[in-house]
Amino acid sequence: MAVGDDGKRTHLRDFEYLKLYQFEKPKLASERKNNKENLELAENILAVRKADYAQGNMVLKIILRQRDLS
């Protein structure tokens, strides 16, 4: 966490867009299968990202801001 200019804490978060889409109300078996496969794929990607983070392969981003005192 970093502290913003207004004194409030800001969270350093990254967002990874997977471009996996689901059908809102699947009617066909193929649509339900597609939804299930996409959900499993997204969960597997999340598990890999968590494992990488736990093993230290991914480095936390630390942003240090220096204010100009001029």
PDB file of N, CA and C in Angstrom:
ATOM      1  N   MET A   1       0.831  -1.178   0.000  1.00  0.00           N
ATOM      2  CA  MET A   1       0.000   0.000   0.000  1.00  0.00           C
ATOM      3  C   MET A   1       0.874   1.239   0.000  1.00  0.00           C
ATOM      4  N   ALA A   2       0.391   2.224  -0.659  1.00  0.00           N
ATOM      5  CA  ALA A   2       1.075   3.505  -0.702  1.00  0.00           C
ATOM      6  C   ALA A   2       0.111   4.565  -0.198  1.00  0.00           C
ATOM      7  N   VAL A   3       0.668   5.688   0.144  1.00  0.00           N
ATOM      8  CA  VAL A   3      -0.149   6.794   0.622  1.00  0.00           C
ATOM      9  C   VAL A   3      -0.204   7.843  -0.477  1.00  0.00           C
ATOM     10  N   GLY A   4      -1.422   8.244  -0.828  1.00  0.00           N
ATOM     11  CA  GLY A   4      -1.603   9.226  -1.881  1.00  0.00           C
ATOM     12  C   GLY A   4      -1.338  10.634  -1.392  1.00  0.00           C
ATOM     13  N   ASP A   5      -1.477  11.600  -2.296  1.00  0.00           N
ATOM     14  CA  ASP A   5      -1.231  12.996  -1.962  1.00  0.00           C
ATOM     15  C   ASP A   5      -2.212  13.522  -0.923  1.00  0.00           C
ATOM     16  N   ASP A   6      -3.409  12.953  -0.897  1.00  0.00           N
ATOM     17  CA  ASP A   6      -4.418  13.418   0.051  1.00  0.00           C
ATOM     18  C   ASP A   6      -4.325  12.711   1.400  1.00  0.00           C
ATOM     19  N   GLY A   7      -3.348  11.845   1.579  1.00  0.00           N
ATOM     20  CA  GLY A   7      -3.134  11.166   2.849  1.00  0.00           C
ATOM     21  C   GLY A   7      -3.876   9.846   2.970  1.00  0.00           C
ATOM     22  N   LYS A   8      -4.629   9.464   1.952  1.00  0.00           N
ATOM     23  CA  LYS A   8      -5.371   8.210   1.991  1.00  0.00           C
ATOM     24  C   LYS A   8      -4.512   7.084   1.433  1.00  0.00           C
ATOM     25  N   ARG A   9      -4.754   5.881   1.937  1.00  0.00           N
ATOM     26  CA  ARG A   9      -4.027   4.715   1.456  1.00  0.00           C
ATOM     27  C   ARG A   9      -4.562   4.300   0.087  1.00  0.00           C
ATOM     28  N   THR A  10      -3.668   3.971  -0.806  1.00  0.00           N
ATOM     29  CA  THR A  10      -4.052   3.456  -2.113  1.00  0.00           C
ATOM     30  C   THR A  10      -3.438   2.075  -2.278  1.00  0.00           C
ATOM     31  N   HIS A  11      -4.194   1.182  -2.864  1.00  0.00           N
ATOM     32  CA  HIS A  11      -3.730  -0.187  -3.048  1.00  0.00           C
ATOM     33  C   HIS A  11      -3.090  -0.327  -4.421  1.00  0.00           C
ATOM     34  N   LEU A  12      -2.026  -1.073  -4.474  1.00  0.00           N
ATOM     35  CA  LEU A  12      -1.328  -1.328  -5.728  1.00  0.00           C
ATOM     36  C   LEU A  12      -1.837  -2.661  -6.268  1.00  0.00           C
ATOM     37  N   ARG A  13      -2.729  -2.591  -7.237  1.00  0.00           N
ATOM     38  CA  ARG A  13      -3.327  -3.800  -7.785  1.00  0.00           C
ATOM     39  C   ARG A  13      -3.125  -3.831  -9.289  1.00  0.00           C
ATOM     40  N   ASP A  14      -2.934  -5.021  -9.791  1.00  0.00           N
ATOM     41  CA  ASP A  14      -2.858  -5.227 -11.228  1.00  0.00           C
ATOM     42  C   ASP A  14      -4.088  -6.007 -11.660  1.00  0.00           C
ATOM     43  N   PHE A  15      -4.493  -5.808 -12.882  1.00  0.00           N
ATOM     44  CA  PHE A  15      -5.651  -6.481 -13.433  1.00  0.00           C
ATOM     45  C   PHE A  15      -5.224  -7.146 -14.724  1.00  0.00           C
ATOM     46  N   GLU A  16      -5.494  -8.404 -14.831  1.00  0.00           N
ATOM     47  CA  GLU A  16      -5.160  -9.136 -16.044  1.00  0.00           C
ATOM     48  C   GLU A  16      -6.461  -9.549 -16.718  1.00  0.00           C
ATOM     49  N   TYR A  17      -6.683  -9.050 -17.916  1.00  0.00           N
ATOM     50  CA  TYR A  17      -7.894  -9.372 -18.648  1.00  0.00           C
ATOM     51  C   TYR A  17      -7.656 -10.640 -19.449  1.00  0.00           C
ATOM     52  N   LEU A  18      -8.450 -11.665 -19.202  1.00  0.00           N
ATOM     53  CA  LEU A  18      -8.229 -12.969 -19.814  1.00  0.00           C
ATOM     54  C   LEU A  18      -8.957 -13.148 -21.140  1.00  0.00           C
ATOM     55  N   LYS A  19      -9.893 -12.281 -21.445  1.00  0.00           N
ATOM     56  CA  LYS A  19     -10.703 -12.367 -22.670  1.00  0.00           C
ATOM     57  C   LYS A  19     -11.428 -13.704 -22.766  1.00  0.00           C
ATOM     58  N   LEU A  20     -11.947 -14.153 -21.642  1.00  0.00           N
ATOM     59  CA  LEU A  20     -12.777 -15.353 -21.603  1.00  0.00           C
ATOM     60  C   LEU A  20     -14.210 -14.901 -21.349  1.00  0.00           C
ATOM     61  N   TYR A  21     -15.095 -15.310 -22.209  1.00  0.00           N
ATOM     62  CA  TYR A  21     -16.478 -14.865 -22.098  1.00  0.00           C
ATOM     63  C   TYR A  21     -17.379 -16.046 -21.759  1.00  0.00           C
ATOM     64  N   GLN A  22     -18.467 -15.747 -21.048  1.00  0.00           N
ATOM     65  CA  GLN A  22     -19.449 -16.762 -20.721  1.00  0.00           C
ATOM     66  C   GLN A  22     -20.812 -16.342 -21.239  1.00  0.00           C
ATOM     67  N   PHE A  23     -21.629 -17.339 -21.523  1.00  0.00           N
ATOM     68  CA  PHE A  23     -23.008 -17.078 -21.901  1.00  0.00           C
ATOM     69  C   PHE A  23     -23.798 -16.772 -20.636  1.00  0.00           C
ATOM     70  N   GLU A  24     -24.629 -15.733 -20.674  1.00  0.00           N
ATOM     71  CA  GLU A  24     -25.396 -15.358 -19.485  1.00  0.00           C
ATOM     72  C   GLU A  24     -26.386 -16.445 -19.093  1.00  0.00           C
ATOM     73  N   LYS A  25     -27.190 -16.866 -20.039  1.00  0.00           N
ATOM     74  CA  LYS A  25     -28.173 -17.918 -19.783  1.00  0.00           C
ATOM     75  C   LYS A  25     -27.996 -19.001 -20.842  1.00  0.00           C
ATOM     76  N   PRO A  26     -27.074 -19.932 -20.595  1.00  0.00           N
ATOM     77  CA  PRO A  26     -26.814 -20.952 -21.613  1.00  0.00           C
ATOM     78  C   PRO A  26     -28.023 -21.869 -21.798  1.00  0.00           C
ATOM     79  N   LYS A  27     -28.398 -22.053 -23.053  1.00  0.00           N
ATOM     80  CA  LYS A  27     -29.543 -22.906 -23.368  1.00  0.00           C
ATOM     81  C   LYS A  27     -29.097 -24.248 -23.929  1.00  0.00           C
ATOM     82  N   LEU A  28     -28.007 -24.242 -24.645  1.00  0.00           N
ATOM     83  CA  LEU A  28     -27.521 -25.466 -25.272  1.00  0.00           C
ATOM     84  C   LEU A  28     -26.444 -26.117 -24.415  1.00  0.00           C
ATOM     85  N   ALA A  29     -26.273 -27.399 -24.618  1.00  0.00           N
ATOM     86  CA  ALA A  29     -25.243 -28.131 -23.877  1.00  0.00           C
ATOM     87  C   ALA A  29     -23.854 -27.611 -24.223  1.00  0.00           C
ATOM     88  N   SER A  30     -23.659 -27.224 -25.476  1.00  0.00           N
ATOM     89  CA  SER A  30     -22.347 -26.712 -25.879  1.00  0.00           C
ATOM     90  C   SER A  30     -22.038 -25.383 -25.185  1.00  0.00           C
ATOM     91  N   GLU A  31     -23.063 -24.553 -24.965  1.00  0.00           N
ATOM     92  CA  GLU A  31     -22.863 -23.280 -24.259  1.00  0.00           C
ATOM     93  C   GLU A  31     -22.523 -23.526 -22.795  1.00  0.00           C
ATOM     94  N   ARG A  32     -23.212 -24.490 -22.173  1.00  0.00           N
ATOM     95  CA  ARG A  32     -22.908 -24.822 -20.771  1.00  0.00           C
ATOM     96  C   ARG A  32     -21.497 -25.393 -20.649  1.00  0.00           C
ATOM     97  N   LYS A  33     -21.116 -26.222 -21.612  1.00  0.00           N
ATOM     98  CA  LYS A  33     -19.770 -26.803 -21.612  1.00  0.00           C
ATOM     99  C   LYS A  33     -18.719 -25.711 -21.777  1.00  0.00           C
ATOM    100  N   ASN A  34     -18.985 -24.758 -22.660  1.00  0.00           N
ATOM    101  CA  ASN A  34     -18.070 -23.640 -22.877  1.00  0.00           C
ATOM    102  C   ASN A  34     -17.915 -22.818 -21.596  1.00  0.00           C
ATOM    103  N   ASN A  35     -19.026 -22.540 -20.913  1.00  0.00           N
ATOM    104  CA  ASN A  35     -18.971 -21.795 -19.655  1.00  0.00           C
ATOM    105  C   ASN A  35     -18.133 -22.537 -18.616  1.00  0.00           C
ATOM    106  N   LYS A  36     -18.350 -23.839 -18.524  1.00  0.00           N
ATOM    107  CA  LYS A  36     -17.625 -24.644 -17.537  1.00  0.00           C
ATOM    108  C   LYS A  36     -16.124 -24.663 -17.840  1.00  0.00           C
ATOM    109  N   GLU A  37     -15.772 -24.824 -19.114  1.00  0.00           N
ATOM    110  CA  GLU A  37     -14.358 -24.858 -19.501  1.00  0.00           C
ATOM    111  C   GLU A  37     -13.685 -23.509 -19.258  1.00  0.00           C
ATOM    112  N   ASN A  38     -14.383 -22.419 -19.580  1.00  0.00           N
ATOM    113  CA  ASN A  38     -13.812 -21.091 -19.355  1.00  0.00           C
ATOM    114  C   ASN A  38     -13.607 -20.818 -17.874  1.00  0.00           C
ATOM    115  N   LEU A  39     -14.550 -21.241 -17.043  1.00  0.00           N
ATOM    116  CA  LEU A  39     -14.417 -21.047 -15.601  1.00  0.00           C
ATOM    117  C   LEU A  39     -13.245 -21.856 -15.054  1.00  0.00           C
ATOM    118  N   GLU A  40     -13.109 -23.099 -15.497  1.00  0.00           N
ATOM    119  CA  GLU A  40     -11.986 -23.933 -15.055  1.00  0.00           C
ATOM    120  C   GLU A  40     -10.651 -23.344 -15.495  1.00  0.00           C
ATOM    121  N   LEU A  41     -10.601 -22.834 -16.716  1.00  0.00           N
ATOM    122  CA  LEU A  41      -9.374 -22.225 -17.220  1.00  0.00           C
ATOM    123  C   LEU A  41      -9.000 -20.997 -16.394  1.00  0.00           C
ATOM    124  N   ALA A  42      -9.982 -20.158 -16.092  1.00  0.00           N
ATOM    125  CA  ALA A  42      -9.721 -18.965 -15.287  1.00  0.00           C
ATOM    126  C   ALA A  42      -9.246 -19.345 -13.886  1.00  0.00           C
ATOM    127  N   GLU A  43      -9.859 -20.366 -13.293  1.00  0.00           N
ATOM    128  CA  GLU A  43      -9.439 -20.809 -11.961  1.00  0.00           C
ATOM    129  C   GLU A  43      -8.026 -21.387 -11.994  1.00  0.00           C
ATOM    130  N   ASN A  44      -7.679 -22.102 -13.054  1.00  0.00           N
ATOM    131  CA  ASN A  44      -6.321 -22.644 -13.189  1.00  0.00           C
ATOM    132  C   ASN A  44      -5.294 -21.530 -13.341  1.00  0.00           C
ATOM    133  N   ILE A  45      -5.629 -20.512 -14.116  1.00  0.00           N
ATOM    134  CA  ILE A  45      -4.722 -19.374 -14.278  1.00  0.00           C
ATOM    135  C   ILE A  45      -4.518 -18.676 -12.943  1.00  0.00           C
ATOM    136  N   LEU A  46      -5.601 -18.513 -12.177  1.00  0.00           N
ATOM    137  CA  LEU A  46      -5.498 -17.891 -10.858  1.00  0.00           C
ATOM    138  C   LEU A  46      -4.621 -18.724  -9.931  1.00  0.00           C
ATOM    139  N   ALA A  47      -4.767 -20.045  -9.973  1.00  0.00           N
ATOM    140  CA  ALA A  47      -3.953 -20.920  -9.127  1.00  0.00           C
ATOM    141  C   ALA A  47      -2.472 -20.800  -9.482  1.00  0.00           C
ATOM    142  N   VAL A  48      -2.170 -20.711 -10.774  1.00  0.00           N
ATOM    143  CA  VAL A  48      -0.778 -20.556 -11.208  1.00  0.00           C
ATOM    144  C   VAL A  48      -0.223 -19.223 -10.726  1.00  0.00           C
ATOM    145  N   ARG A  49      -1.014 -18.151 -10.854  1.00  0.00           N
ATOM    146  CA  ARG A  49      -0.558 -16.825 -10.411  1.00  0.00           C
ATOM    147  C   ARG A  49      -0.312 -16.811  -8.903  1.00  0.00           C
ATOM    148  N   LYS A  50      -1.198 -17.458  -8.139  1.00  0.00           N
ATOM    149  CA  LYS A  50      -1.020 -17.517  -6.684  1.00  0.00           C
ATOM    150  C   LYS A  50       0.226 -18.318  -6.322  1.00  0.00           C
ATOM    151  N   ALA A  51       0.471 -19.416  -7.029  1.00  0.00           N
ATOM    152  CA  ALA A  51       1.653 -20.235  -6.756  1.00  0.00           C
ATOM    153  C   ALA A  51       2.924 -19.467  -7.087  1.00  0.00           C
ATOM    154  N   ASP A  52       2.925 -18.747  -8.210  1.00  0.00           N
ATOM    155  CA  ASP A  52       4.091 -17.937  -8.571  1.00  0.00           C
ATOM    156  C   ASP A  52       4.359 -16.880  -7.511  1.00  0.00           C
ATOM    157  N   TYR A  53       3.312 -16.252  -7.031  1.00  0.00           N
ATOM    158  CA  TYR A  53       3.466 -15.218  -6.009  1.00  0.00           C
ATOM    159  C   TYR A  53       3.994 -15.821  -4.712  1.00  0.00           C
ATOM    160  N   ALA A  54       3.464 -16.979  -4.322  1.00  0.00           N
ATOM    161  CA  ALA A  54       3.887 -17.621  -3.078  1.00  0.00           C
ATOM    162  C   ALA A  54       5.346 -18.069  -3.146  1.00  0.00           C
ATOM    163  N   GLN A  55       5.802 -18.474  -4.324  1.00  0.00           N
ATOM    164  CA  GLN A  55       7.182 -18.929  -4.476  1.00  0.00           C
ATOM    165  C   GLN A  55       8.155 -17.777  -4.655  1.00  0.00           C
ATOM    166  N   GLY A  56       7.632 -16.584  -4.797  1.00  0.00           N
ATOM    167  CA  GLY A  56       8.500 -15.424  -4.932  1.00  0.00           C
ATOM    168  C   GLY A  56       8.905 -15.121  -6.354  1.00  0.00           C
ATOM    169  N   ASN A  57       8.266 -15.758  -7.319  1.00  0.00           N
ATOM    170  CA  ASN A  57       8.607 -15.500  -8.715  1.00  0.00           C
ATOM    171  C   ASN A  57       8.080 -14.157  -9.189  1.00  0.00           C
ATOM    172  N   MET A  58       7.023 -13.701  -8.571  1.00  0.00           N
ATOM    173  CA  MET A  58       6.460 -12.406  -8.927  1.00  0.00           C
ATOM    174  C   MET A  58       6.847 -11.421  -7.833  1.00  0.00           C
ATOM    175  N   VAL A  59       7.297 -10.294  -8.210  1.00  0.00           N
ATOM    176  CA  VAL A  59       7.771  -9.297  -7.258  1.00  0.00           C
ATOM    177  C   VAL A  59       6.667  -8.277  -7.025  1.00  0.00           C
ATOM    178  N   LEU A  60       6.467  -7.939  -5.766  1.00  0.00           N
ATOM    179  CA  LEU A  60       5.503  -6.889  -5.454  1.00  0.00           C
ATOM    180  C   LEU A  60       6.003  -5.570  -6.004  1.00  0.00           C
ATOM    181  N   LYS A  61       5.103  -4.805  -6.546  1.00  0.00           N
ATOM    182  CA  LYS A  61       5.476  -3.496  -7.063  1.00  0.00           C
ATOM    183  C   LYS A  61       5.434  -2.487  -5.925  1.00  0.00           C
ATOM    184  N   ILE A  62       6.533  -1.839  -5.730  1.00  0.00           N
ATOM    185  CA  ILE A  62       6.603  -0.804  -4.709  1.00  0.00           C
ATOM    186  C   ILE A  62       6.880   0.501  -5.427  1.00  0.00           C
ATOM    187  N   ILE A  63       5.963   1.399  -5.282  1.00  0.00           N
ATOM    188  CA  ILE A  63       6.095   2.692  -5.941  1.00  0.00           C
ATOM    189  C   ILE A  63       6.404   3.731  -4.877  1.00  0.00           C
ATOM    190  N   LEU A  64       7.520   4.343  -5.024  1.00  0.00           N
ATOM    191  CA  LEU A  64       7.903   5.399  -4.102  1.00  0.00           C
ATOM    192  C   LEU A  64       7.752   6.723  -4.821  1.00  0.00           C
ATOM    193  N   ARG A  65       6.956   7.583  -4.255  1.00  0.00           N
ATOM    194  CA  ARG A  65       6.754   8.895  -4.859  1.00  0.00           C
ATOM    195  C   ARG A  65       7.477   9.936  -4.019  1.00  0.00           C
ATOM    196  N   GLN A  66       8.232  10.745  -4.694  1.00  0.00           N
ATOM    197  CA  GLN A  66       8.928  11.816  -4.000  1.00  0.00           C
ATOM    198  C   GLN A  66       8.231  13.116  -4.338  1.00  0.00           C
ATOM    199  N   ARG A  67       7.946  13.853  -3.316  1.00  0.00           N
ATOM    200  CA  ARG A  67       7.287  15.136  -3.522  1.00  0.00           C
ATOM    201  C   ARG A  67       8.329  16.221  -3.747  1.00  0.00           C
ATOM    202  N   ASP A  68       8.006  17.103  -4.642  1.00  0.00           N
ATOM    203  CA  ASP A  68       8.884  18.253  -4.868  1.00  0.00           C
ATOM    204  C   ASP A  68       8.617  19.275  -3.775  1.00  0.00           C
ATOM    205  N   LEU A  69       9.638  19.639  -3.083  1.00  0.00           N
ATOM    206  CA  LEU A  69       9.497  20.605  -1.998  1.00  0.00           C
ATOM    207  C   LEU A  69       9.842  22.012  -2.454  1.00  0.00           C
ATOM    208  N   SER A  70       9.942  22.209  -3.737  1.00  0.00           N
ATOM    209  CA  SER A  70      10.310  23.535  -4.232  1.00  0.00           C
ATOM    210  C   SER A  70       9.136  24.484  -4.273  1.00  0.00           C
TER     211      SER A  70
END
